[in-house]
C-alpha cells in the first residue's frame, strides 16, 4: 500500500511556524526549552504526528538557512518543503521577528 502525504493547511503552517519561532527566539536569547514539549504543542494544534512535526521544523530551518537567517541548531535544514502557504507562513513570522 502506497502512502501519500497530505499538504498542510494554511492554518497548520501558520501554527507550526509560530511555535518554531517561539523556540528560535528562546534559543537566540540563550533560554532553555524542551523541543519535545513544543513538538507536542504543534501536534495538538495541527493534528500531525511527532515525525511530521519534526520534519516540518527542519523545513522551516531550510527556508531560514536559504535566506541567510539563523535557525534552530537542533533542526537541521531539510529541503522537500511544501510550497505556497508554508512559505507564506514562514515569511510572515520572519517579518514579525
Protein backbone atom coordinates (compact mmCIF):
# COMPACT_ATOMS: atom_id res chain seq x y z
CA UNK A 1 0.00 0.00 0.00
CA UNK A 2 1.39 3.35 -1.02
CA UNK A 3 1.01 6.28 1.34
CA UNK A 4 0.84 9.88 0.17
CA UNK A 5 1.26 12.83 2.44
CA UNK A 6 -1.43 15.44 2.52
CA UNK A 7 -0.24 19.03 2.30
CA UNK A 8 -0.52 21.05 5.46
CA UNK A 9 -3.29 23.64 5.52
CA UNK A 10 -2.53 27.36 5.80
CA UNK A 11 -3.71 27.29 9.44
CA UNK A 12 -1.47 24.32 10.25
CA UNK A 13 1.51 26.04 8.59
CA UNK A 14 0.89 29.26 10.50
CA UNK A 15 0.59 27.34 13.79
CA UNK A 16 3.81 25.37 13.35
CA UNK A 17 5.74 28.42 12.15
CA UNK A 18 4.59 30.29 15.26
CA UNK A 19 5.81 27.51 17.52
CA UNK A 20 9.12 27.26 15.66
CA UNK A 21 9.75 31.00 16.02
CA UNK A 22 8.99 30.83 19.75
CA UNK A 23 11.73 28.23 20.09
CA UNK A 24 14.09 30.17 17.84
CA UNK A 25 13.60 33.34 19.88
CA UNK A 26 14.36 31.38 23.05
CA UNK A 27 17.45 29.78 21.52
CA UNK A 28 18.79 33.14 20.31
CA UNK A 29 18.23 34.53 23.82
CA UNK A 30 20.07 31.55 25.35
CA UNK A 31 16.90 30.46 27.16
CA UNK A 32 16.43 26.77 27.85
CA UNK A 33 13.49 24.99 26.27
CA UNK A 34 12.44 21.42 25.57
CA UNK A 35 11.88 20.66 21.91
CA UNK A 36 9.64 17.70 22.71
CA UNK A 37 7.21 19.94 24.62
CA UNK A 38 6.91 22.28 21.65
CA UNK A 39 6.52 19.29 19.35
CA UNK A 40 3.58 18.13 21.49
CA UNK A 41 2.04 21.60 21.24
CA UNK A 42 2.43 21.51 17.46
CA UNK A 43 0.87 18.04 17.30
CA UNK A 44 -2.11 19.25 19.32
CA UNK A 45 -2.61 22.32 17.12
CA UNK A 46 -2.10 20.60 13.77
CA UNK A 47 -3.24 17.01 14.29
CA UNK A 48 0.05 15.84 12.77
CA UNK A 49 2.38 13.14 14.06
CA UNK A 50 5.59 13.72 16.01
CA UNK A 51 7.69 12.79 12.96
CA UNK A 52 5.71 15.02 10.64
CA UNK A 53 6.16 17.97 13.01
CA UNK A 54 9.90 17.28 13.31
CA UNK A 55 10.27 17.18 9.53
CA UNK A 56 8.31 20.42 9.12
CA UNK A 57 10.52 22.14 11.72
CA UNK A 58 13.52 21.08 9.60
CA UNK A 59 11.79 22.52 6.51
CA UNK A 60 11.44 25.85 8.32
CA UNK A 61 15.17 25.71 9.13
CA UNK A 62 15.82 25.21 5.43
CA UNK A 63 13.88 28.35 4.49
CA UNK A 64 15.71 30.39 7.11
CA UNK A 65 19.11 28.98 6.19
CA UNK A 66 18.46 29.62 2.49
CA UNK A 67 17.81 33.26 3.35
CA UNK A 68 20.97 33.59 5.45
CA UNK A 69 18.99 33.72 8.69
CA UNK A 70 19.63 31.87 11.94
CA UNK A 71 17.75 28.64 12.54
CA UNK A 72 17.32 26.27 15.48
CA UNK A 73 20.51 24.22 15.68
CA UNK A 74 18.58 21.09 16.67
CA UNK A 75 16.57 21.19 13.44
CA UNK A 76 18.97 20.80 10.54
CA UNK A 77 17.73 22.22 7.23
CA UNK A 78 15.88 19.74 5.01
CA UNK A 79 14.58 20.69 1.59
CA UNK A 80 11.43 18.92 0.35
CA UNK A 81 9.29 21.69 1.80
CA UNK A 82 5.71 22.26 0.74
CA UNK A 83 5.29 25.47 -1.22
CA UNK A 84 2.54 28.05 -1.13
CA UNK A 85 1.03 28.57 2.30
CA UNK A 86 4.08 27.04 4.00
CA UNK A 87 6.41 29.72 2.64
CA UNK A 88 3.86 32.46 3.33
CA UNK A 89 3.59 31.32 6.96
CA UNK A 90 7.37 31.30 7.42
CA UNK A 91 7.75 34.68 5.71
CA UNK A 92 5.01 36.12 7.94
CA UNK A 93 6.92 35.07 11.04
CA UNK A 94 10.25 36.29 9.63
CA UNK A 95 8.69 39.71 9.13
CA UNK A 96 7.33 39.96 12.68
CA UNK A 97 10.52 38.70 14.31
